[in-house]
PDB file of N, CA and C in Angstrom:
ATOM      1  N   UNK A   1      26.401  34.750   4.926  1.00  0.00           N
ATOM      2  CA  UNK A   1      25.616  33.608   5.366  1.00  0.00           C
ATOM      3  C   UNK A   1      26.477  32.357   5.276  1.00  0.00           C
ATOM      4  N   UNK A   2      26.432  31.555   6.327  1.00  0.00           N
ATOM      5  CA  UNK A   2      27.135  30.274   6.352  1.00  0.00           C
ATOM      6  C   UNK A   2      26.122  29.174   6.056  1.00  0.00           C
ATOM      7  N   UNK A   3      25.753  29.062   4.792  1.00  0.00           N
ATOM      8  CA  UNK A   3      24.677  28.163   4.380  1.00  0.00           C
ATOM      9  C   UNK A   3      24.883  26.729   4.873  1.00  0.00           C
ATOM     10  N   UNK A   4      26.132  26.306   4.943  1.00  0.00           N
ATOM     11  CA  UNK A   4      26.429  24.944   5.358  1.00  0.00           C
ATOM     12  C   UNK A   4      25.954  24.641   6.793  1.00  0.00           C
ATOM     13  N   UNK A   5      25.749  25.675   7.605  1.00  0.00           N
ATOM     14  CA  UNK A   5      25.245  25.466   8.961  1.00  0.00           C
ATOM     15  C   UNK A   5      23.738  25.246   8.976  1.00  0.00           C
ATOM     16  N   UNK A   6      23.082  25.676   7.916  1.00  0.00           N
ATOM     17  CA  UNK A   6      21.659  25.416   7.751  1.00  0.00           C
ATOM     18  C   UNK A   6      20.773  25.979   8.841  1.00  0.00           C
ATOM     19  N   UNK A   7      19.740  25.220   9.129  1.00  0.00           N
ATOM     20  CA  UNK A   7      18.715  25.581  10.097  1.00  0.00           C
ATOM     21  C   UNK A   7      18.817  24.624  11.273  1.00  0.00           C
ATOM     22  N   UNK A   8      18.684  25.149  12.469  1.00  0.00           N
ATOM     23  CA  UNK A   8      18.691  24.304  13.665  1.00  0.00           C
ATOM     24  C   UNK A   8      17.458  23.411  13.683  1.00  0.00           C
ATOM     25  N   UNK A   9      17.493  22.418  14.515  1.00  0.00           N
ATOM     26  CA  UNK A   9      16.353  21.507  14.647  1.00  0.00           C
ATOM     27  C   UNK A   9      15.065  22.268  14.913  1.00  0.00           C
ATOM     28  N   UNK A  10      15.151  23.336  15.719  1.00  0.00           N
ATOM     29  CA  UNK A  10      13.966  24.110  16.124  1.00  0.00           C
ATOM     30  C   UNK A  10      13.553  25.151  15.097  1.00  0.00           C
ATOM     31  N   UNK A  11      14.373  25.406  14.087  1.00  0.00           N
ATOM     32  CA  UNK A  11      14.021  26.403  13.089  1.00  0.00           C
ATOM     33  C   UNK A  11      14.876  27.651  13.126  1.00  0.00           C
ATOM     34  N   UNK A  12      15.665  27.859  14.180  1.00  0.00           N
ATOM     35  CA  UNK A  12      16.558  29.017  14.182  1.00  0.00           C
ATOM     36  C   UNK A  12      17.551  28.889  13.037  1.00  0.00           C
ATOM     37  N   UNK A  13      17.967  30.008  12.491  1.00  0.00           N
ATOM     38  CA  UNK A  13      18.867  30.006  11.337  1.00  0.00           C
ATOM     39  C   UNK A  13      20.324  30.030  11.800  1.00  0.00           C
ATOM     40  N   UNK A  14      20.880  28.867  12.040  1.00  0.00           N
ATOM     41  CA  UNK A  14      22.298  28.771  12.400  1.00  0.00           C
ATOM     42  C   UNK A  14      23.150  29.451  11.323  1.00  0.00           C
ATOM     43  N   UNK A  15      22.692  29.364  10.086  1.00  0.00           N
ATOM     44  CA  UNK A  15      23.430  29.918   8.953  1.00  0.00           C
ATOM     45  C   UNK A  15      23.577  31.440   9.019  1.00  0.00           C
ATOM     46  N   UNK A  16      22.731  32.100   9.785  1.00  0.00           N
ATOM     47  CA  UNK A  16      22.777  33.558   9.889  1.00  0.00           C
ATOM     48  C   UNK A  16      23.217  34.054  11.265  1.00  0.00           C
ATOM     49  N   UNK A  17      23.382  33.160  12.196  1.00  0.00           N
ATOM     50  CA  UNK A  17      23.688  33.554  13.564  1.00  0.00           C
ATOM     51  C   UNK A  17      25.093  34.129  13.670  1.00  0.00           C
ATOM     52  N   UNK A  18      25.189  35.267  14.314  1.00  0.00           N
ATOM     53  CA  UNK A  18      26.487  35.904  14.538  1.00  0.00           C
ATOM     54  C   UNK A  18      26.825  35.931  16.023  1.00  0.00           C
ATOM     55  N   UNK A  19      26.008  35.285  16.827  1.00  0.00           N
ATOM     56  CA  UNK A  19      26.181  35.336  18.277  1.00  0.00           C
ATOM     57  C   UNK A  19      27.393  34.550  18.749  1.00  0.00           C
ATOM     58  N   UNK A  20      27.646  33.420  18.143  1.00  0.00           N
ATOM     59  CA  UNK A  20      28.724  32.561  18.599  1.00  0.00           C
ATOM     60  C   UNK A  20      29.520  32.109  17.389  1.00  0.00           C
ATOM     61  N   UNK A  21      30.626  32.740  17.136  1.00  0.00           N
ATOM     62  CA  UNK A  21      31.403  32.447  15.935  1.00  0.00           C
ATOM     63  C   UNK A  21      32.122  31.110  15.998  1.00  0.00           C
ATOM     64  N   UNK A  22      32.208  30.496  17.171  1.00  0.00           N
ATOM     65  CA  UNK A  22      32.871  29.199  17.279  1.00  0.00           C
ATOM     66  C   UNK A  22      31.891  28.033  17.200  1.00  0.00           C
ATOM     67  N   UNK A  23      30.614  28.316  17.112  1.00  0.00           N
ATOM     68  CA  UNK A  23      29.591  27.266  17.063  1.00  0.00           C
ATOM     69  C   UNK A  23      29.503  26.702  15.653  1.00  0.00           C
ATOM     70  N   UNK A  24      29.393  25.390  15.560  1.00  0.00           N
ATOM     71  CA  UNK A  24      29.217  24.740  14.262  1.00  0.00           C
ATOM     72  C   UNK A  24      27.781  24.311  14.037  1.00  0.00           C
ATOM     73  N   UNK A  25      26.878  24.954  14.752  1.00  0.00           N
ATOM     74  CA  UNK A  25      25.463  24.713  14.526  1.00  0.00           C
ATOM     75  C   UNK A  25      24.882  23.596  15.361  1.00  0.00           C
ATOM     76  N   UNK A  26      23.598  23.523  15.279  1.00  0.00           N
ATOM     77  CA  UNK A  26      22.802  22.582  16.056  1.00  0.00           C
ATOM     78  C   UNK A  26      23.151  21.131  15.738  1.00  0.00           C
ATOM     79  N   UNK A  27      23.541  20.852  14.531  1.00  0.00           N
ATOM     80  CA  UNK A  27      23.814  19.477  14.128  1.00  0.00           C
ATOM     81  C   UNK A  27      25.100  18.933  14.737  1.00  0.00           C
ATOM     82  N   UNK A  28      25.964  19.823  15.214  1.00  0.00           N
ATOM     83  CA  UNK A  28      27.231  19.372  15.776  1.00  0.00           C
ATOM     84  C   UNK A  28      27.081  19.021  17.242  1.00  0.00           C
ATOM     85  N   UNK A  29      27.987  18.251  17.738  1.00  0.00           N
ATOM     86  CA  UNK A  29      28.009  17.929  19.165  1.00  0.00           C
ATOM     87  C   UNK A  29      28.609  19.086  19.965  1.00  0.00           C
ATOM     88  N   UNK A  30      29.029  20.143  19.279  1.00  0.00           N
ATOM     89  CA  UNK A  30      29.640  21.302  19.922  1.00  0.00           C
ATOM     90  C   UNK A  30      28.627  22.361  20.317  1.00  0.00           C
ATOM     91  N   UNK A  31      27.370  22.140  20.031  1.00  0.00           N
ATOM     92  CA  UNK A  31      26.340  23.133  20.332  1.00  0.00           C
ATOM     93  C   UNK A  31      26.357  23.451  21.824  1.00  0.00           C
ATOM     94  N   UNK A  32      26.492  24.725  22.183  1.00  0.00           N
ATOM     95  CA  UNK A  32      26.551  25.075  23.604  1.00  0.00           C
ATOM     96  C   UNK A  32      25.232  24.848  24.346  1.00  0.00           C
ATOM     97  N   UNK A  33      24.138  24.699  23.626  1.00  0.00           N
ATOM     98  CA  UNK A  33      22.822  24.529  24.255  1.00  0.00           C
ATOM     99  C   UNK A  33      22.301  23.096  24.199  1.00  0.00           C
ATOM    100  N   UNK A  34      23.129  22.173  23.737  1.00  0.00           N
ATOM    101  CA  UNK A  34      22.650  20.812  23.494  1.00  0.00           C
ATOM    102  C   UNK A  34      22.102  20.104  24.725  1.00  0.00           C
ATOM    103  N   UNK A  35      22.595  20.437  25.900  1.00  0.00           N
ATOM    104  CA  UNK A  35      22.151  19.730  27.100  1.00  0.00           C
ATOM    105  C   UNK A  35      20.760  20.134  27.578  1.00  0.00           C
ATOM    106  N   UNK A  36      20.323  21.330  27.261  1.00  0.00           N
ATOM    107  CA  UNK A  36      19.011  21.778  27.731  1.00  0.00           C
ATOM    108  C   UNK A  36      17.985  21.955  26.618  1.00  0.00           C
ATOM    109  N   UNK A  37      18.380  21.835  25.369  1.00  0.00           N
ATOM    110  CA  UNK A  37      17.469  22.120  24.256  1.00  0.00           C
ATOM    111  C   UNK A  37      16.381  21.058  24.131  1.00  0.00           C
ATOM    112  N   UNK A  38      15.173  21.458  24.437  1.00  0.00           N
ATOM    113  CA  UNK A  38      14.019  20.563  24.392  1.00  0.00           C
ATOM    114  C   UNK A  38      13.735  20.076  22.969  1.00  0.00           C
ATOM    115  N   UNK A  39      13.944  20.946  21.980  1.00  0.00           N
ATOM    116  CA  UNK A  39      13.670  20.580  20.596  1.00  0.00           C
ATOM    117  C   UNK A  39      14.695  19.567  20.079  1.00  0.00           C
ATOM    118  N   UNK A  40      15.928  19.719  20.480  1.00  0.00           N
ATOM    119  CA  UNK A  40      16.970  18.757  20.105  1.00  0.00           C
ATOM    120  C   UNK A  40      16.627  17.391  20.672  1.00  0.00           C
ATOM    121  N   UNK A  41      16.311  17.354  21.959  1.00  0.00           N
ATOM    122  CA  UNK A  41      15.994  16.101  22.633  1.00  0.00           C
ATOM    123  C   UNK A  41      14.780  15.426  21.985  1.00  0.00           C
ATOM    124  N   UNK A  42      13.730  16.173  21.766  1.00  0.00           N
ATOM    125  CA  UNK A  42      12.502  15.623  21.191  1.00  0.00           C
ATOM    126  C   UNK A  42      12.736  15.082  19.778  1.00  0.00           C
ATOM    127  N   UNK A  43      13.385  15.864  18.924  1.00  0.00           N
ATOM    128  CA  UNK A  43      13.597  15.416  17.545  1.00  0.00           C
ATOM    129  C   UNK A  43      14.514  14.192  17.491  1.00  0.00           C
ATOM    130  N   UNK A  44      15.496  14.144  18.385  1.00  0.00           N
ATOM    131  CA  UNK A  44      16.365  12.965  18.421  1.00  0.00           C
ATOM    132  C   UNK A  44      15.588  11.731  18.874  1.00  0.00           C
ATOM    133  N   UNK A  45      14.709  11.897  19.859  1.00  0.00           N
ATOM    134  CA  UNK A  45      13.879  10.777  20.317  1.00  0.00           C
ATOM    135  C   UNK A  45      12.970  10.268  19.206  1.00  0.00           C
ATOM    136  N   UNK A  46      12.505  11.179  18.349  1.00  0.00           N
ATOM    137  CA  UNK A  46      11.616  10.800  17.238  1.00  0.00           C
ATOM    138  C   UNK A  46      12.388  10.332  16.010  1.00  0.00           C
ATOM    139  N   UNK A  47      13.720  10.480  16.041  1.00  0.00           N
ATOM    140  CA  UNK A  47      14.542  10.032  14.922  1.00  0.00           C
ATOM    141  C   UNK A  47      14.454  10.929  13.701  1.00  0.00           C
ATOM    142  N   UNK A  48      14.190  12.226  13.925  1.00  0.00           N
ATOM    143  CA  UNK A  48      14.129  13.176  12.814  1.00  0.00           C
ATOM    144  C   UNK A  48      15.198  14.248  13.017  1.00  0.00           C
ATOM    145  N   UNK A  49      15.611  14.855  11.935  1.00  0.00           N
ATOM    146  CA  UNK A  49      16.692  15.840  12.016  1.00  0.00           C
ATOM    147  C   UNK A  49      16.218  17.241  12.362  1.00  0.00           C
ATOM    148  N   UNK A  50      14.944  17.549  12.088  1.00  0.00           N
ATOM    149  CA  UNK A  50      14.416  18.897  12.303  1.00  0.00           C
ATOM    150  C   UNK A  50      12.951  18.825  12.724  1.00  0.00           C
ATOM    151  N   UNK A  51      12.519  19.817  13.460  1.00  0.00           N
ATOM    152  CA  UNK A  51      11.112  19.878  13.892  1.00  0.00           C
ATOM    153  C   UNK A  51      10.162  19.998  12.704  1.00  0.00           C
ATOM    154  N   UNK A  52      10.609  20.586  11.592  1.00  0.00           N
ATOM    155  CA  UNK A  52       9.696  20.731  10.448  1.00  0.00           C
ATOM    156  C   UNK A  52       9.360  19.385   9.807  1.00  0.00           C
ATOM    157  N   UNK A  53      10.097  18.347  10.151  1.00  0.00           N
ATOM    158  CA  UNK A  53       9.805  17.013   9.630  1.00  0.00           C
ATOM    159  C   UNK A  53       8.809  16.253  10.492  1.00  0.00           C
ATOM    160  N   UNK A  54       8.464  16.821  11.619  1.00  0.00           N
ATOM    161  CA  UNK A  54       7.522  16.199  12.547  1.00  0.00           C
ATOM    162  C   UNK A  54       6.086  16.439  12.070  1.00  0.00           C
ATOM    163  N   UNK A  55       5.249  15.450  12.280  1.00  0.00           N
ATOM    164  CA  UNK A  55       3.844  15.575  11.886  1.00  0.00           C
ATOM    165  C   UNK A  55       3.050  16.438  12.858  1.00  0.00           C
ATOM    166  N   UNK A  56       3.545  16.589  14.071  1.00  0.00           N
ATOM    167  CA  UNK A  56       2.844  17.395  15.069  1.00  0.00           C
ATOM    168  C   UNK A  56       3.073  18.882  14.807  1.00  0.00           C
ATOM    169  N   UNK A  57       2.139  19.682  15.256  1.00  0.00           N
ATOM    170  CA  UNK A  57       2.291  21.134  15.221  1.00  0.00           C
ATOM    171  C   UNK A  57       2.397  21.587  16.676  1.00  0.00           C
ATOM    172  N   UNK A  58       3.606  21.546  17.215  1.00  0.00           N
ATOM    173  CA  UNK A  58       3.770  21.875  18.627  1.00  0.00           C
ATOM    174  C   UNK A  58       4.499  23.207  18.785  1.00  0.00           C
ATOM    175  N   UNK A  59       4.437  23.731  19.987  1.00  0.00           N
ATOM    176  CA  UNK A  59       5.077  25.004  20.305  1.00  0.00           C
ATOM    177  C   UNK A  59       6.006  24.849  21.505  1.00  0.00           C
ATOM    178  N   UNK A  60       6.541  23.638  21.711  1.00  0.00           N
ATOM    179  CA  UNK A  60       7.401  23.445  22.864  1.00  0.00           C
ATOM    180  C   UNK A  60       8.809  23.969  22.598  1.00  0.00           C
ATOM    181  N   UNK A  61       9.527  24.238  23.673  1.00  0.00           N
ATOM    182  CA  UNK A  61      10.902  24.722  23.556  1.00  0.00           C
ATOM    183  C   UNK A  61      10.964  26.040  22.809  1.00  0.00           C
ATOM    184  N   UNK A  62      11.931  26.143  21.925  1.00  0.00           N
ATOM    185  CA  UNK A  62      12.114  27.388  21.174  1.00  0.00           C
ATOM    186  C   UNK A  62      11.007  27.631  20.155  1.00  0.00           C
ATOM    187  N   UNK A  63      10.184  26.633  19.890  1.00  0.00           N
ATOM    188  CA  UNK A  63       9.052  26.835  18.986  1.00  0.00           C
ATOM    189  C   UNK A  63       7.972  27.712  19.616  1.00  0.00           C
ATOM    190  N   UNK A  64       8.155  28.059  20.865  1.00  0.00           N
ATOM    191  CA  UNK A  64       7.265  29.008  21.519  1.00  0.00           C
ATOM    192  C   UNK A  64       7.539  30.441  21.095  1.00  0.00           C
ATOM    193  N   UNK A  65       8.620  30.660  20.376  1.00  0.00           N
ATOM    194  CA  UNK A  65       8.971  31.989  19.873  1.00  0.00           C
ATOM    195  C   UNK A  65       8.611  32.072  18.396  1.00  0.00           C
ATOM    196  N   UNK A  66       8.194  33.242  17.972  1.00  0.00           N
ATOM    197  CA  UNK A  66       7.660  33.418  16.612  1.00  0.00           C
ATOM    198  C   UNK A  66       8.674  33.102  15.508  1.00  0.00           C
ATOM    199  N   UNK A  67       9.922  33.530  15.665  1.00  0.00           N
ATOM    200  CA  UNK A  67      10.889  33.330  14.578  1.00  0.00           C
ATOM    201  C   UNK A  67      11.166  31.853  14.311  1.00  0.00           C
ATOM    202  N   UNK A  68      11.605  31.055  15.297  1.00  0.00           N
ATOM    203  CA  UNK A  68      11.849  29.648  14.980  1.00  0.00           C
ATOM    204  C   UNK A  68      10.584  28.896  14.568  1.00  0.00           C
ATOM    205  N   UNK A  69       9.458  29.251  15.179  1.00  0.00           N
ATOM    206  CA  UNK A  69       8.205  28.605  14.792  1.00  0.00           C
ATOM    207  C   UNK A  69       7.855  28.947  13.342  1.00  0.00           C
ATOM    208  N   UNK A  70       7.988  30.206  12.968  1.00  0.00           N
ATOM    209  CA  UNK A  70       7.702  30.624  11.597  1.00  0.00           C
ATOM    210  C   UNK A  70       8.620  29.972  10.582  1.00  0.00           C
ATOM    211  N   UNK A  71       9.907  29.880  10.905  1.00  0.00           N
ATOM    212  CA  UNK A  71      10.849  29.228   9.996  1.00  0.00           C
ATOM    213  C   UNK A  71      10.517  27.743   9.862  1.00  0.00           C
ATOM    214  N   UNK A  72      10.098  27.114  10.973  1.00  0.00           N
ATOM    215  CA  UNK A  72       9.718  25.698  10.947  1.00  0.00           C
ATOM    216  C   UNK A  72       8.475  25.486  10.082  1.00  0.00           C
ATOM    217  N   UNK A  73       7.478  26.323  10.256  1.00  0.00           N
ATOM    218  CA  UNK A  73       6.258  26.205   9.459  1.00  0.00           C
ATOM    219  C   UNK A  73       6.566  26.467   7.983  1.00  0.00           C
ATOM    220  N   UNK A  74       7.395  27.474   7.707  1.00  0.00           N
ATOM    221  CA  UNK A  74       7.765  27.767   6.326  1.00  0.00           C
ATOM    222  C   UNK A  74       8.450  26.554   5.690  1.00  0.00           C
ATOM    223  N   UNK A  75       9.428  25.963   6.388  1.00  0.00           N
ATOM    224  CA  UNK A  75      10.145  24.800   5.849  1.00  0.00           C
ATOM    225  C   UNK A  75       9.202  23.620   5.654  1.00  0.00           C
ATOM    226  N   UNK A  76       8.239  23.484   6.530  1.00  0.00           N
ATOM    227  CA  UNK A  76       7.249  22.402   6.415  1.00  0.00           C
ATOM    228  C   UNK A  76       6.408  22.603   5.154  1.00  0.00           C
ATOM    229  N   UNK A  77       6.028  23.842   4.873  1.00  0.00           N
ATOM    230  CA  UNK A  77       5.172  24.140   3.712  1.00  0.00           C
ATOM    231  C   UNK A  77       5.937  24.167   2.389  1.00  0.00           C
ATOM    232  N   UNK A  78       7.112  24.805   2.381  1.00  0.00           N
ATOM    233  CA  UNK A  78       7.799  25.111   1.123  1.00  0.00           C
ATOM    234  C   UNK A  78       9.146  24.417   0.942  1.00  0.00           C
ATOM    235  N   UNK A  79       9.659  23.807   1.997  1.00  0.00           N
ATOM    236  CA  UNK A  79      10.930  23.095   1.910  1.00  0.00           C
ATOM    237  C   UNK A  79      12.092  23.889   2.475  1.00  0.00           C
ATOM    238  N   UNK A  80      13.082  23.144   2.930  1.00  0.00           N
ATOM    239  CA  UNK A  80      14.259  23.738   3.550  1.00  0.00           C
ATOM    240  C   UNK A  80      15.067  24.577   2.567  1.00  0.00           C
ATOM    241  N   UNK A  81      15.261  24.078   1.368  1.00  0.00           N
ATOM    242  CA  UNK A  81      16.064  24.826   0.384  1.00  0.00           C
ATOM    243  C   UNK A  81      15.418  26.154   0.030  1.00  0.00           C
ATOM    244  N   UNK A  82      14.106  26.182  -0.075  1.00  0.00           N
ATOM    245  CA  UNK A  82      13.401  27.441  -0.360  1.00  0.00           C
ATOM    246  C   UNK A  82      13.631  28.439   0.775  1.00  0.00           C
ATOM    247  N   UNK A  83      13.578  27.962   2.013  1.00  0.00           N
ATOM    248  CA  UNK A  83      13.827  28.837   3.153  1.00  0.00           C
ATOM    249  C   UNK A  83      15.249  29.367   3.119  1.00  0.00           C
ATOM    250  N   UNK A  84      16.221  28.499   2.916  1.00  0.00           N
ATOM    251  CA  UNK A  84      17.622  28.944   2.865  1.00  0.00           C
ATOM    252  C   UNK A  84      17.858  29.919   1.721  1.00  0.00           C
ATOM    253  N   UNK A  85      17.265  29.659   0.565  1.00  0.00           N
ATOM    254  CA  UNK A  85      17.414  30.570  -0.579  1.00  0.00           C
ATOM    255  C   UNK A  85      16.891  31.962  -0.237  1.00  0.00           C
ATOM    256  N   UNK A  86      15.719  32.015   0.384  1.00  0.00           N
ATOM    257  CA  UNK A  86      15.126  33.312   0.720  1.00  0.00           C
ATOM    258  C   UNK A  86      15.907  34.027   1.819  1.00  0.00           C
ATOM    259  N   UNK A  87      16.361  33.296   2.827  1.00  0.00           N
ATOM    260  CA  UNK A  87      17.159  33.924   3.882  1.00  0.00           C
ATOM    261  C   UNK A  87      18.439  34.523   3.309  1.00  0.00           C
ATOM    262  N   UNK A  88      19.051  33.803   2.380  1.00  0.00           N
ATOM    263  CA  UNK A  88      20.271  34.297   1.744  1.00  0.00           C
ATOM    264  C   UNK A  88      19.983  35.554   0.913  1.00  0.00           C
ATOM    265  N   UNK A  89      18.907  35.515   0.154  1.00  0.00           N
ATOM    266  CA  UNK A  89      18.507  36.677  -0.646  1.00  0.00           C
ATOM    267  C   UNK A  89      18.192  37.878   0.250  1.00  0.00           C
ATOM    268  N   UNK A  90      17.456  37.651   1.317  1.00  0.00           N
ATOM    269  CA  UNK A  90      17.099  38.739   2.233  1.00  0.00           C
ATOM    270  C   UNK A  90      18.328  39.348   2.888  1.00  0.00           C
ATOM    271  N   UNK A  91      19.268  38.500   3.279  1.00  0.00           N
ATOM    272  CA  UNK A  91      20.494  39.024   3.895  1.00  0.00           C
ATOM    273  C   UNK A  91      21.225  39.962   2.921  1.00  0.00           C
ATOM    274  N   UNK A  92      21.304  39.573   1.662  1.00  0.00           N
ATOM    275  CA  UNK A  92      21.946  40.410   0.644  1.00  0.00           C
ATOM    276  C   UNK A  92      21.201  41.730   0.452  1.00  0.00           C
ATOM    277  N   UNK A  93      19.887  41.709   0.727  1.00  0.00           N
ATOM    278  CA  UNK A  93      19.059  42.908   0.566  1.00  0.00           C
ATOM    279  C   UNK A  93      18.910  43.719   1.850  1.00  0.00           C
ATOM    280  N   UNK A  94      19.667  43.353   2.878  1.00  0.00           N
ATOM    281  CA  UNK A  94      19.690  44.155   4.093  1.00  0.00           C
ATOM    282  C   UNK A  94      18.751  43.743   5.210  1.00  0.00           C
ATOM    283  N   UNK A  95      18.047  42.630   5.052  1.00  0.00           N
ATOM    284  CA  UNK A  95      17.208  42.136   6.142  1.00  0.00           C
ATOM    285  C   UNK A  95      18.146  41.568   7.208  1.00  0.00           C
ATOM    286  N   UNK A  96      17.917  41.950   8.455  1.00  0.00           N
ATOM    287  CA  UNK A  96      18.839  41.616   9.539  1.00  0.00           C
ATOM    288  C   UNK A  96      18.258  40.513  10.412  1.00  0.00           C
ATOM    289  N   UNK A  97      19.034  39.449  10.596  1.00  0.00           N
ATOM    290  CA  UNK A  97      18.621  38.343  11.460  1.00  0.00           C
ATOM    291  C   UNK A  97      18.775  38.715  12.932  1.00  0.00           C
ATOM    292  N   UNK A  98      19.933  39.282  13.288  1.00  0.00           N
ATOM    293  CA  UNK A  98      20.205  39.760  14.654  1.00  0.00           C
ATOM    294  C   UNK A  98      20.494  41.252  14.607  1.00  0.00           C
ATOM    295  N   UNK A  99      19.944  41.980  15.531  1.00  0.00           N
ATOM    296  CA  UNK A  99      20.262  43.396  15.674  1.00  0.00           C
ATOM    297  C   UNK A  99      20.359  43.671  17.165  1.00  0.00           C
ATOM    298  N   UNK A 100      21.509  44.176  17.604  1.00  0.00           N
ATOM    299  CA  UNK A 100      21.704  44.490  19.023  1.00  0.00           C
ATOM    300  C   UNK A 100      21.290  43.321  19.911  1.00  0.00           C
ATOM    301  N   UNK A 101      21.930  42.198  19.729  1.00  0.00           N
ATOM    302  CA  UNK A 101      21.596  41.015  20.517  1.00  0.00           C
ATOM    303  C   UNK A 101      20.887  39.994  19.673  1.00  0.00           C
ATOM    304  N   UNK A 102      19.771  39.482  20.159  1.00  0.00           N
ATOM    305  CA  UNK A 102      19.113  38.392  19.435  1.00  0.00           C
ATOM    306  C   UNK A 102      17.912  38.824  18.609  1.00  0.00           C
ATOM    307  N   UNK A 103      17.492  40.073  18.711  1.00  0.00           N
ATOM    308  CA  UNK A 103      16.329  40.520  17.958  1.00  0.00           C
ATOM    309  C   UNK A 103      16.726  41.077  16.598  1.00  0.00           C
ATOM    310  N   UNK A 104      15.909  40.812  15.612  1.00  0.00           N
ATOM    311  CA  UNK A 104      16.156  41.311  14.269  1.00  0.00           C
ATOM    312  C   UNK A 104      14.847  41.498  13.529  1.00  0.00           C
ATOM    313  N   UNK A 105      14.935  41.603  12.211  1.00  0.00           N
ATOM    314  CA  UNK A 105      13.764  41.896  11.394  1.00  0.00           C
ATOM    315  C   UNK A 105      12.713  40.786  11.376  1.00  0.00           C
ATOM    316  N   UNK A 106      13.092  39.566  11.709  1.00  0.00           N
ATOM    317  CA  UNK A 106      12.134  38.458  11.708  1.00  0.00           C
ATOM    318  C   UNK A 106      11.419  38.295  13.047  1.00  0.00           C
ATOM    319  N   UNK A 107      11.813  39.070  14.047  1.00  0.00           N
ATOM    320  CA  UNK A 107      11.319  38.853  15.406  1.00  0.00           C
ATOM    321  C   UNK A 107      10.073  39.624  15.797  1.00  0.00           C
ATOM    322  N   UNK A 108       9.829  40.759  15.222  1.00  0.00           N
ATOM    323  CA  UNK A 108       8.748  41.609  15.744  1.00  0.00           C
ATOM    324  C   UNK A 108       7.410  41.385  15.043  1.00  0.00           C
ATOM    325  N   UNK A 109       7.044  40.127  14.903  1.00  0.00           N
ATOM    326  CA  UNK A 109       5.748  39.754  14.339  1.00  0.00           C
ATOM    327  C   UNK A 109       4.920  39.115  15.441  1.00  0.00           C
ATOM    328  N   UNK A 110       3.636  39.346  15.384  1.00  0.00           N
ATOM    329  CA  UNK A 110       2.743  38.696  16.343  1.00  0.00           C
ATOM    330  C   UNK A 110       1.940  37.587  15.685  1.00  0.00           C
ATOM    331  N   UNK A 111       1.734  37.688  14.383  1.00  0.00           N
ATOM    332  CA  UNK A 111       0.938  36.709  13.650  1.00  0.00           C
ATOM    333  C   UNK A 111       1.831  35.864  12.744  1.00  0.00           C
ATOM    334  N   UNK A 112       1.637  34.566  12.790  1.00  0.00           N
ATOM    335  CA  UNK A 112       2.429  33.636  11.991  1.00  0.00           C
ATOM    336  C   UNK A 112       2.359  33.951  10.502  1.00  0.00           C
ATOM    337  N   UNK A 113       1.167  34.180   9.973  1.00  0.00           N
ATOM    338  CA  UNK A 113       1.035  34.399   8.533  1.00  0.00           C
ATOM    339  C   UNK A 113       1.706  35.690   8.074  1.00  0.00           C
ATOM    340  N   UNK A 114       1.782  36.668   8.945  1.00  0.00           N
ATOM    341  CA  UNK A 114       2.527  37.893   8.615  1.00  0.00           C
ATOM    342  C   UNK A 114       4.013  37.583   8.472  1.00  0.00           C
ATOM    343  N   UNK A 115       4.552  36.769   9.384  1.00  0.00           N
ATOM    344  CA  UNK A 115       5.963  36.374   9.291  1.00  0.00           C
ATOM    345  C   UNK A 115       6.209  35.535   8.045  1.00  0.00           C
ATOM    346  N   UNK A 116       5.326  34.591   7.756  1.00  0.00           N
ATOM    347  CA  UNK A 116       5.466  33.760   6.551  1.00  0.00           C
ATOM    348  C   UNK A 116       5.489  34.644   5.310  1.00  0.00           C
ATOM    349  N   UNK A 117       4.617  35.626   5.255  1.00  0.00           N
ATOM    350  CA  UNK A 117       4.578  36.558   4.125  1.00  0.00           C
ATOM    351  C   UNK A 117       5.884  37.342   4.015  1.00  0.00           C
ATOM    352  N   UNK A 118       6.418  37.757   5.158  1.00  0.00           N
ATOM    353  CA  UNK A 118       7.691  38.483   5.166  1.00  0.00           C
ATOM    354  C   UNK A 118       8.834  37.586   4.685  1.00  0.00           C
ATOM    355  N   UNK A 119       8.842  36.338   5.108  1.00  0.00           N
ATOM    356  CA  UNK A 119       9.878  35.409   4.651  1.00  0.00           C
ATOM    357  C   UNK A 119       9.783  35.235   3.136  1.00  0.00           C
ATOM    358  N   UNK A 120       8.572  35.149   2.621  1.00  0.00           N
ATOM    359  CA  UNK A 120       8.394  34.954   1.174  1.00  0.00           C
ATOM    360  C   UNK A 120       8.812  36.186   0.364  1.00  0.00           C
ATOM    361  N   UNK A 121       8.560  37.387   0.905  1.00  0.00           N
ATOM    362  CA  UNK A 121       8.782  38.599   0.125  1.00  0.00           C
ATOM    363  C   UNK A 121       9.991  39.426   0.549  1.00  0.00           C
ATOM    364  N   UNK A 122      10.345  39.342   1.834  1.00  0.00           N
ATOM    365  CA  UNK A 122      11.407  40.200   2.352  1.00  0.00           C
ATOM    366  C   UNK A 122      10.942  41.629   2.579  1.00  0.00           C
ATOM    367  N   UNK A 123       9.637  41.826   2.464  1.00  0.00           N
ATOM    368  CA  UNK A 123       9.069  43.167   2.614  1.00  0.00           C
ATOM    369  C   UNK A 123       7.882  43.133   3.559  1.00  0.00           C
ATOM    370  N   UNK A 124       7.718  44.239   4.266  1.00  0.00           N
ATOM    371  CA  UNK A 124       6.575  44.360   5.187  1.00  0.00           C
ATOM    372  C   UNK A 124       5.382  44.900   4.446  1.00  0.00           C
TER     373      UNK A 124
END
């Protein structure tokens, strides 16, 4: 885990992403998706660093997907450090962020509270 990369504005775990090894995360100007990312644009317009700091509960952009939305809600409820601590612990215990592309163990949930429970426990 590259903890220093943290969580993207939308809630994706840059710290666990293995898709682009040259990316320095959402916070950098090197982000390959910076020109089209709706969550980046919105949070910058609001002057906040992450969607979890926003008072609104929206599902625009990547927040329309369960994983980033769940990570955002978790960080809003329990804090960013708690989320990073659990993601790091889960990775050590074999929970996979990406498997064969962009899908992993955090992706196949339909209900938000089920994902939140999985983030808290690392178990189904």
